[in-house]
């Protein structure tokens, strides 16, 4: 699956976090990688000043870092979307 740099694609990624136990927040800050994952409190913070492409790339990195699994989600659409993101042919 190719990453699409659209608002709709970003919304789908945000829905994954909404369906997970992690809270996604957009905040200002001085993050070296553009995001911060607080694993103990299950909060993900992404730089709110990132452009659309930067937000999507950060969320893809975070999803891979957190090792979300399709079975963790109840909705079939989230399971399918995550499975598509996990495909080795993921292109930026």
PDB file of N, CA and C in Angstrom:
ATOM      1  N   UNK A   1       0.843  -1.172   0.000  1.00  0.00           N
ATOM      2  CA  UNK A   1       0.000   0.000   0.000  1.00  0.00           C
ATOM      3  C   UNK A   1       0.892   1.239   0.000  1.00  0.00           C
ATOM      4  N   UNK A   2       0.593   2.153  -0.835  1.00  0.00           N
ATOM      5  CA  UNK A   2       1.324   3.407  -0.879  1.00  0.00           C
ATOM      6  C   UNK A   2       0.693   4.387   0.118  1.00  0.00           C
ATOM      7  N   UNK A   3       1.541   5.094   0.823  1.00  0.00           N
ATOM      8  CA  UNK A   3       1.052   6.109   1.749  1.00  0.00           C
ATOM      9  C   UNK A   3       0.523   7.265   0.926  1.00  0.00           C
ATOM     10  N   UNK A   4      -0.679   7.691   1.250  1.00  0.00           N
ATOM     11  CA  UNK A   4      -1.296   8.815   0.553  1.00  0.00           C
ATOM     12  C   UNK A   4      -1.260  10.019   1.478  1.00  0.00           C
ATOM     13  N   UNK A   5      -0.768  11.113   0.979  1.00  0.00           N
ATOM     14  CA  UNK A   5      -0.648  12.316   1.794  1.00  0.00           C
ATOM     15  C   UNK A   5      -1.894  13.178   1.631  1.00  0.00           C
ATOM     16  N   UNK A   6      -2.999  12.646   2.179  1.00  0.00           N
ATOM     17  CA  UNK A   6      -4.272  13.361   2.120  1.00  0.00           C
ATOM     18  C   UNK A   6      -4.854  13.462   3.526  1.00  0.00           C
ATOM     19  N   UNK A   7      -5.775  14.376   3.699  1.00  0.00           N
ATOM     20  CA  UNK A   7      -6.444  14.543   4.989  1.00  0.00           C
ATOM     21  C   UNK A   7      -7.234  13.277   5.332  1.00  0.00           C
ATOM     22  N   UNK A   8      -7.836  12.647   4.333  1.00  0.00           N
ATOM     23  CA  UNK A   8      -8.605  11.419   4.557  1.00  0.00           C
ATOM     24  C   UNK A   8      -7.706  10.305   5.107  1.00  0.00           C
ATOM     25  N   UNK A   9      -6.506  10.160   4.543  1.00  0.00           N
ATOM     26  CA  UNK A   9      -5.569   9.139   5.010  1.00  0.00           C
ATOM     27  C   UNK A   9      -5.148   9.434   6.450  1.00  0.00           C
ATOM     28  N   UNK A  10      -4.891  10.707   6.754  1.00  0.00           N
ATOM     29  CA  UNK A  10      -4.542  11.095   8.116  1.00  0.00           C
ATOM     30  C   UNK A  10      -5.683  10.778   9.073  1.00  0.00           C
ATOM     31  N   UNK A  11      -6.912  11.036   8.647  1.00  0.00           N
ATOM     32  CA  UNK A  11      -8.080  10.725   9.479  1.00  0.00           C
ATOM     33  C   UNK A  11      -8.161   9.233   9.791  1.00  0.00           C
ATOM     34  N   UNK A  12      -7.868   8.395   8.795  1.00  0.00           N
ATOM     35  CA  UNK A  12      -7.901   6.949   9.015  1.00  0.00           C
ATOM     36  C   UNK A  12      -6.838   6.524  10.019  1.00  0.00           C
ATOM     37  N   UNK A  13      -5.678   7.155   9.943  1.00  0.00           N
ATOM     38  CA  UNK A  13      -4.618   6.838  10.901  1.00  0.00           C
ATOM     39  C   UNK A  13      -5.007   7.308  12.304  1.00  0.00           C
ATOM     40  N   UNK A  14      -5.623   8.471  12.393  1.00  0.00           N
ATOM     41  CA  UNK A  14      -6.075   8.972  13.691  1.00  0.00           C
ATOM     42  C   UNK A  14      -7.149   8.065  14.279  1.00  0.00           C
ATOM     43  N   UNK A  15      -7.978   7.479  13.425  1.00  0.00           N
ATOM     44  CA  UNK A  15      -9.006   6.543  13.889  1.00  0.00           C
ATOM     45  C   UNK A  15      -8.384   5.287  14.499  1.00  0.00           C
ATOM     46  N   UNK A  16      -7.238   4.862  13.986  1.00  0.00           N
ATOM     47  CA  UNK A  16      -6.542   3.720  14.584  1.00  0.00           C
ATOM     48  C   UNK A  16      -6.175   4.031  16.036  1.00  0.00           C
ATOM     49  N   UNK A  17      -5.660   5.225  16.266  1.00  0.00           N
ATOM     50  CA  UNK A  17      -5.291   5.599  17.633  1.00  0.00           C
ATOM     51  C   UNK A  17      -6.528   5.752  18.506  1.00  0.00           C
ATOM     52  N   UNK A  18      -7.612   6.273  17.948  1.00  0.00           N
ATOM     53  CA  UNK A  18      -8.843   6.425  18.721  1.00  0.00           C
ATOM     54  C   UNK A  18      -9.386   5.064  19.146  1.00  0.00           C
ATOM     55  N   UNK A  19      -9.175   4.050  18.316  1.00  0.00           N
ATOM     56  CA  UNK A  19      -9.663   2.709  18.625  1.00  0.00           C
ATOM     57  C   UNK A  19      -8.674   1.926  19.499  1.00  0.00           C
ATOM     58  N   UNK A  20      -7.480   2.461  19.680  1.00  0.00           N
ATOM     59  CA  UNK A  20      -6.483   1.780  20.507  1.00  0.00           C
ATOM     60  C   UNK A  20      -6.528   2.337  21.919  1.00  0.00           C
ATOM     61  N   UNK A  21      -5.615   1.843  22.741  1.00  0.00           N
ATOM     62  CA  UNK A  21      -5.548   2.333  24.113  1.00  0.00           C
ATOM     63  C   UNK A  21      -4.646   3.560  24.229  1.00  0.00           C
ATOM     64  N   UNK A  22      -4.058   3.999  23.119  1.00  0.00           N
ATOM     65  CA  UNK A  22      -3.194   5.175  23.118  1.00  0.00           C
ATOM     66  C   UNK A  22      -3.998   6.433  22.792  1.00  0.00           C
ATOM     67  N   UNK A  23      -3.613   7.539  23.403  1.00  0.00           N
ATOM     68  CA  UNK A  23      -4.224   8.839  23.143  1.00  0.00           C
ATOM     69  C   UNK A  23      -3.286   9.603  22.219  1.00  0.00           C
ATOM     70  N   UNK A  24      -3.814  10.096  21.110  1.00  0.00           N
ATOM     71  CA  UNK A  24      -3.027  10.865  20.157  1.00  0.00           C
ATOM     72  C   UNK A  24      -3.312  12.344  20.373  1.00  0.00           C
ATOM     73  N   UNK A  25      -2.237  13.116  20.557  1.00  0.00           N
ATOM     74  CA  UNK A  25      -2.388  14.560  20.743  1.00  0.00           C
ATOM     75  C   UNK A  25      -1.414  15.279  19.818  1.00  0.00           C
ATOM     76  N   UNK A  26      -1.842  16.441  19.353  1.00  0.00           N
ATOM     77  CA  UNK A  26      -0.976  17.320  18.573  1.00  0.00           C
ATOM     78  C   UNK A  26      -0.631  18.502  19.462  1.00  0.00           C
ATOM     79  N   UNK A  27       0.646  18.646  19.761  1.00  0.00           N
ATOM     80  CA  UNK A  27       1.111  19.705  20.665  1.00  0.00           C
ATOM     81  C   UNK A  27       2.360  20.341  20.076  1.00  0.00           C
ATOM     82  N   UNK A  28       2.657  21.546  20.548  1.00  0.00           N
ATOM     83  CA  UNK A  28       3.919  22.163  20.143  1.00  0.00           C
ATOM     84  C   UNK A  28       5.008  21.677  21.094  1.00  0.00           C
ATOM     85  N   UNK A  29       6.188  21.630  20.578  1.00  0.00           N
ATOM     86  CA  UNK A  29       7.297  21.173  21.410  1.00  0.00           C
ATOM     87  C   UNK A  29       8.554  21.025  20.595  1.00  0.00           C
ATOM     88  N   UNK A  30       9.626  20.746  21.254  1.00  0.00           N
ATOM     89  CA  UNK A  30      10.907  20.578  20.604  1.00  0.00           C
ATOM     90  C   UNK A  30      11.246  19.088  20.586  1.00  0.00           C
ATOM     91  N   UNK A  31      10.634  18.364  19.665  1.00  0.00           N
ATOM     92  CA  UNK A  31      10.849  16.931  19.550  1.00  0.00           C
ATOM     93  C   UNK A  31      11.917  16.687  18.493  1.00  0.00           C
ATOM     94  N   UNK A  32      12.901  15.892  18.804  1.00  0.00           N
ATOM     95  CA  UNK A  32      13.971  15.613  17.842  1.00  0.00           C
ATOM     96  C   UNK A  32      13.430  14.877  16.622  1.00  0.00           C
ATOM     97  N   UNK A  33      12.515  13.951  16.833  1.00  0.00           N
ATOM     98  CA  UNK A  33      11.979  13.176  15.721  1.00  0.00           C
ATOM     99  C   UNK A  33      10.623  13.679  15.261  1.00  0.00           C
ATOM    100  N   UNK A  34      10.108  14.712  15.889  1.00  0.00           N
ATOM    101  CA  UNK A  34       8.806  15.239  15.505  1.00  0.00           C
ATOM    102  C   UNK A  34       7.668  14.638  16.299  1.00  0.00           C
ATOM    103  N   UNK A  35       7.998  13.656  17.124  1.00  0.00           N
ATOM    104  CA  UNK A  35       6.956  13.049  17.956  1.00  0.00           C
ATOM    105  C   UNK A  35       7.576  12.507  19.232  1.00  0.00           C
ATOM    106  N   UNK A  36       6.704  12.198  20.170  1.00  0.00           N
ATOM    107  CA  UNK A  36       7.128  11.652  21.454  1.00  0.00           C
ATOM    108  C   UNK A  36       6.110  10.597  21.859  1.00  0.00           C
ATOM    109  N   UNK A  37       6.578   9.435  22.278  1.00  0.00           N
ATOM    110  CA  UNK A  37       5.693   8.367  22.735  1.00  0.00           C
ATOM    111  C   UNK A  37       5.954   8.143  24.217  1.00  0.00           C
ATOM    112  N   UNK A  38       4.929   8.386  25.006  1.00  0.00           N
ATOM    113  CA  UNK A  38       5.011   8.147  26.441  1.00  0.00           C
ATOM    114  C   UNK A  38       4.327   6.812  26.703  1.00  0.00           C
ATOM    115  N   UNK A  39       5.101   5.742  26.678  1.00  0.00           N
ATOM    116  CA  UNK A  39       4.534   4.395  26.722  1.00  0.00           C
ATOM    117  C   UNK A  39       3.862   4.072  28.048  1.00  0.00           C
ATOM    118  N   UNK A  40       4.405   4.583  29.155  1.00  0.00           N
ATOM    119  CA  UNK A  40       3.813   4.279  30.459  1.00  0.00           C
ATOM    120  C   UNK A  40       2.413   4.869  30.603  1.00  0.00           C
ATOM    121  N   UNK A  41       2.205   6.048  30.037  1.00  0.00           N
ATOM    122  CA  UNK A  41       0.889   6.692  30.138  1.00  0.00           C
ATOM    123  C   UNK A  41       0.065   6.519  28.864  1.00  0.00           C
ATOM    124  N   UNK A  42       0.649   5.838  27.871  1.00  0.00           N
ATOM    125  CA  UNK A  42      -0.020   5.533  26.603  1.00  0.00           C
ATOM    126  C   UNK A  42      -0.513   6.791  25.901  1.00  0.00           C
ATOM    127  N   UNK A  43       0.393   7.751  25.790  1.00  0.00           N
ATOM    128  CA  UNK A  43       0.105   9.001  25.095  1.00  0.00           C
ATOM    129  C   UNK A  43       1.120   9.154  23.968  1.00  0.00           C
ATOM    130  N   UNK A  44       0.622   9.546  22.800  1.00  0.00           N
ATOM    131  CA  UNK A  44       1.467   9.833  21.645  1.00  0.00           C
ATOM    132  C   UNK A  44       1.289  11.308  21.327  1.00  0.00           C
ATOM    133  N   UNK A  45       2.407  12.033  21.255  1.00  0.00           N
ATOM    134  CA  UNK A  45       2.353  13.463  20.974  1.00  0.00           C
ATOM    135  C   UNK A  45       3.113  13.716  19.675  1.00  0.00           C
ATOM    136  N   UNK A  46       2.442  14.377  18.737  1.00  0.00           N
ATOM    137  CA  UNK A  46       3.032  14.715  17.449  1.00  0.00           C
ATOM    138  C   UNK A  46       3.098  16.237  17.362  1.00  0.00           C
ATOM    139  N   UNK A  47       4.168  16.737  16.786  1.00  0.00           N
ATOM    140  CA  UNK A  47       4.335  18.177  16.621  1.00  0.00           C
ATOM    141  C   UNK A  47       3.190  18.735  15.786  1.00  0.00           C
ATOM    142  N   UNK A  48       2.435  19.662  16.349  1.00  0.00           N
ATOM    143  CA  UNK A  48       1.261  20.187  15.657  1.00  0.00           C
ATOM    144  C   UNK A  48       1.634  21.105  14.498  1.00  0.00           C
ATOM    145  N   UNK A  49       2.870  21.555  14.443  1.00  0.00           N
ATOM    146  CA  UNK A  49       3.298  22.429  13.354  1.00  0.00           C
ATOM    147  C   UNK A  49       3.840  21.661  12.157  1.00  0.00           C
ATOM    148  N   UNK A  50       3.857  20.344  12.256  1.00  0.00           N
ATOM    149  CA  UNK A  50       4.256  19.525  11.116  1.00  0.00           C
ATOM    150  C   UNK A  50       3.266  19.730   9.976  1.00  0.00           C
ATOM    151  N   UNK A  51       3.752  19.709   8.744  1.00  0.00           N
ATOM    152  CA  UNK A  51       2.818  19.689   7.609  1.00  0.00           C
ATOM    153  C   UNK A  51       2.144  18.320   7.546  1.00  0.00           C
ATOM    154  N   UNK A  52       1.154  18.207   6.719  1.00  0.00           N
ATOM    155  CA  UNK A  52       0.380  16.964   6.578  1.00  0.00           C
ATOM    156  C   UNK A  52       1.293  15.761   6.351  1.00  0.00           C
ATOM    157  N   UNK A  53       2.273  15.901   5.463  1.00  0.00           N
ATOM    158  CA  UNK A  53       3.176  14.794   5.148  1.00  0.00           C
ATOM    159  C   UNK A  53       3.979  14.376   6.377  1.00  0.00           C
ATOM    160  N   UNK A  54       4.428  15.344   7.147  1.00  0.00           N
ATOM    161  CA  UNK A  54       5.203  15.047   8.346  1.00  0.00           C
ATOM    162  C   UNK A  54       4.382  14.322   9.395  1.00  0.00           C
ATOM    163  N   UNK A  55       3.123  14.719   9.550  1.00  0.00           N
ATOM    164  CA  UNK A  55       2.242  14.054  10.513  1.00  0.00           C
ATOM    165  C   UNK A  55       2.009  12.602  10.116  1.00  0.00           C
ATOM    166  N   UNK A  56       1.748  12.387   8.835  1.00  0.00           N
ATOM    167  CA  UNK A  56       1.493  11.022   8.361  1.00  0.00           C
ATOM    168  C   UNK A  56       2.742  10.159   8.528  1.00  0.00           C
ATOM    169  N   UNK A  57       3.900  10.675   8.148  1.00  0.00           N
ATOM    170  CA  UNK A  57       5.142   9.909   8.300  1.00  0.00           C
ATOM    171  C   UNK A  57       5.421   9.592   9.761  1.00  0.00           C
ATOM    172  N   UNK A  58       5.171  10.550  10.647  1.00  0.00           N
ATOM    173  CA  UNK A  58       5.385  10.316  12.079  1.00  0.00           C
ATOM    174  C   UNK A  58       4.445   9.229  12.586  1.00  0.00           C
ATOM    175  N   UNK A  59       3.181   9.271  12.172  1.00  0.00           N
ATOM    176  CA  UNK A  59       2.216   8.273  12.634  1.00  0.00           C
ATOM    177  C   UNK A  59       2.547   6.886  12.106  1.00  0.00           C
ATOM    178  N   UNK A  60       3.044   6.790  10.882  1.00  0.00           N
ATOM    179  CA  UNK A  60       3.471   5.491  10.348  1.00  0.00           C
ATOM    180  C   UNK A  60       4.617   4.944  11.195  1.00  0.00           C
ATOM    181  N   UNK A  61       5.585   5.795  11.511  1.00  0.00           N
ATOM    182  CA  UNK A  61       6.709   5.371  12.355  1.00  0.00           C
ATOM    183  C   UNK A  61       6.223   4.912  13.729  1.00  0.00           C
ATOM    184  N   UNK A  62       5.306   5.659  14.301  1.00  0.00           N
ATOM    185  CA  UNK A  62       4.802   5.333  15.640  1.00  0.00           C
ATOM    186  C   UNK A  62       4.042   4.011  15.625  1.00  0.00           C
ATOM    187  N   UNK A  63       3.202   3.806  14.624  1.00  0.00           N
ATOM    188  CA  UNK A  63       2.435   2.559  14.534  1.00  0.00           C
ATOM    189  C   UNK A  63       3.388   1.368  14.447  1.00  0.00           C
ATOM    190  N   UNK A  64       4.460   1.516  13.687  1.00  0.00           N
ATOM    191  CA  UNK A  64       5.448   0.435  13.598  1.00  0.00           C
ATOM    192  C   UNK A  64       6.184   0.251  14.913  1.00  0.00           C
ATOM    193  N   UNK A  65       6.475   1.335  15.607  1.00  0.00           N
ATOM    194  CA  UNK A  65       7.185   1.257  16.885  1.00  0.00           C
ATOM    195  C   UNK A  65       6.325   0.603  17.964  1.00  0.00           C
ATOM    196  N   UNK A  66       5.028   0.891  17.959  1.00  0.00           N
ATOM    197  CA  UNK A  66       4.133   0.361  18.991  1.00  0.00           C
ATOM    198  C   UNK A  66       3.662  -1.052  18.694  1.00  0.00           C
ATOM    199  N   UNK A  67       3.956  -1.552  17.511  1.00  0.00           N
ATOM    200  CA  UNK A  67       3.582  -2.914  17.122  1.00  0.00           C
ATOM    201  C   UNK A  67       2.095  -3.192  17.299  1.00  0.00           C
ATOM    202  N   UNK A  68       1.264  -2.309  16.770  1.00  0.00           N
ATOM    203  CA  UNK A  68      -0.177  -2.579  16.752  1.00  0.00           C
ATOM    204  C   UNK A  68      -0.419  -3.842  15.935  1.00  0.00           C
ATOM    205  N   UNK A  69      -1.395  -4.629  16.337  1.00  0.00           N
ATOM    206  CA  UNK A  69      -1.768  -5.830  15.603  1.00  0.00           C
ATOM    207  C   UNK A  69      -3.227  -5.715  15.188  1.00  0.00           C
ATOM    208  N   UNK A  70      -3.564  -6.193  13.988  1.00  0.00           N
ATOM    209  CA  UNK A  70      -4.950  -6.100  13.539  1.00  0.00           C
ATOM    210  C   UNK A  70      -5.949  -6.721  14.519  1.00  0.00           C
ATOM    211  N   UNK A  71      -5.549  -7.764  15.228  1.00  0.00           N
ATOM    212  CA  UNK A  71      -6.454  -8.426  16.171  1.00  0.00           C
ATOM    213  C   UNK A  71      -6.789  -7.539  17.371  1.00  0.00           C
ATOM    214  N   UNK A  72      -5.993  -6.478  17.579  1.00  0.00           N
ATOM    215  CA  UNK A  72      -6.244  -5.558  18.693  1.00  0.00           C
ATOM    216  C   UNK A  72      -7.462  -4.671  18.454  1.00  0.00           C
ATOM    217  N   UNK A  73      -7.948  -4.634  17.226  1.00  0.00           N
ATOM    218  CA  UNK A  73      -9.039  -3.728  16.864  1.00  0.00           C
ATOM    219  C   UNK A  73     -10.317  -4.502  16.581  1.00  0.00           C
ATOM    220  N   UNK A  74     -11.418  -3.952  17.036  1.00  0.00           N
ATOM    221  CA  UNK A  74     -12.716  -4.602  16.858  1.00  0.00           C
ATOM    222  C   UNK A  74     -13.293  -4.358  15.469  1.00  0.00           C
ATOM    223  N   UNK A  75     -13.140  -3.143  14.961  1.00  0.00           N
ATOM    224  CA  UNK A  75     -13.726  -2.803  13.669  1.00  0.00           C
ATOM    225  C   UNK A  75     -12.909  -3.389  12.527  1.00  0.00           C
ATOM    226  N   UNK A  76     -13.602  -3.999  11.601  1.00  0.00           N
ATOM    227  CA  UNK A  76     -12.964  -4.636  10.446  1.00  0.00           C
ATOM    228  C   UNK A  76     -12.214  -3.608   9.605  1.00  0.00           C
ATOM    229  N   UNK A  77     -12.760  -2.394   9.485  1.00  0.00           N
ATOM    230  CA  UNK A  77     -12.093  -1.373   8.673  1.00  0.00           C
ATOM    231  C   UNK A  77     -10.728  -1.013   9.256  1.00  0.00           C
ATOM    232  N   UNK A  78     -10.629  -0.925  10.584  1.00  0.00           N
ATOM    233  CA  UNK A  78      -9.335  -0.649  11.221  1.00  0.00           C
ATOM    234  C   UNK A  78      -8.377  -1.819  11.053  1.00  0.00           C
ATOM    235  N   UNK A  79      -8.894  -3.038  11.149  1.00  0.00           N
ATOM    236  CA  UNK A  79      -8.057  -4.222  10.963  1.00  0.00           C
ATOM    237  C   UNK A  79      -7.485  -4.256   9.544  1.00  0.00           C
ATOM    238  N   UNK A  80      -8.351  -3.999   8.564  1.00  0.00           N
ATOM    239  CA  UNK A  80      -7.912  -4.018   7.172  1.00  0.00           C
ATOM    240  C   UNK A  80      -6.900  -2.911   6.888  1.00  0.00           C
ATOM    241  N   UNK A  81      -7.176  -1.721   7.413  1.00  0.00           N
ATOM    242  CA  UNK A  81      -6.270  -0.593   7.185  1.00  0.00           C
ATOM    243  C   UNK A  81      -4.897  -0.876   7.795  1.00  0.00           C
ATOM    244  N   UNK A  82      -4.869  -1.404   8.999  1.00  0.00           N
ATOM    245  CA  UNK A  82      -3.596  -1.721   9.646  1.00  0.00           C
ATOM    246  C   UNK A  82      -2.866  -2.826   8.887  1.00  0.00           C
ATOM    247  N   UNK A  83      -3.586  -3.813   8.427  1.00  0.00           N
ATOM    248  CA  UNK A  83      -2.958  -4.879   7.637  1.00  0.00           C
ATOM    249  C   UNK A  83      -2.343  -4.315   6.359  1.00  0.00           C
ATOM    250  N   UNK A  84      -3.047  -3.378   5.725  1.00  0.00           N
ATOM    251  CA  UNK A  84      -2.509  -2.747   4.517  1.00  0.00           C
ATOM    252  C   UNK A  84      -1.255  -1.935   4.832  1.00  0.00           C
ATOM    253  N   UNK A  85      -1.250  -1.253   5.987  1.00  0.00           N
ATOM    254  CA  UNK A  85      -0.071  -0.481   6.377  1.00  0.00           C
ATOM    255  C   UNK A  85       1.123  -1.384   6.648  1.00  0.00           C
ATOM    256  N   UNK A  86       0.875  -2.588   7.104  1.00  0.00           N
ATOM    257  CA  UNK A  86       1.938  -3.533   7.451  1.00  0.00           C
ATOM    258  C   UNK A  86       2.546  -4.224   6.234  1.00  0.00           C
ATOM    259  N   UNK A  87       1.956  -4.050   5.068  1.00  0.00           N
ATOM    260  CA  UNK A  87       2.464  -4.718   3.877  1.00  0.00           C
ATOM    261  C   UNK A  87       3.897  -4.270   3.606  1.00  0.00           C
ATOM    262  N   UNK A  88       4.757  -5.190   3.229  1.00  0.00           N
ATOM    263  CA  UNK A  88       6.158  -4.827   2.972  1.00  0.00           C
ATOM    264  C   UNK A  88       6.323  -3.888   1.782  1.00  0.00           C
ATOM    265  N   UNK A  89       5.302  -3.759   0.964  1.00  0.00           N
ATOM    266  CA  UNK A  89       5.403  -2.883  -0.194  1.00  0.00           C
ATOM    267  C   UNK A  89       4.991  -1.444   0.132  1.00  0.00           C
ATOM    268  N   UNK A  90       4.955  -1.101   1.419  1.00  0.00           N
ATOM    269  CA  UNK A  90       4.599   0.255   1.837  1.00  0.00           C
ATOM    270  C   UNK A  90       5.590   1.241   1.257  1.00  0.00           C
ATOM    271  N   UNK A  91       5.074   2.200   0.496  1.00  0.00           N
ATOM    272  CA  UNK A  91       5.924   3.161  -0.177  1.00  0.00           C
ATOM    273  C   UNK A  91       5.557   4.567   0.245  1.00  0.00           C
ATOM    274  N   UNK A  92       6.584   5.389   0.400  1.00  0.00           N
ATOM    275  CA  UNK A  92       6.382   6.791   0.739  1.00  0.00           C
ATOM    276  C   UNK A  92       6.487   7.631  -0.497  1.00  0.00           C
TER     277      UNK A  92
END
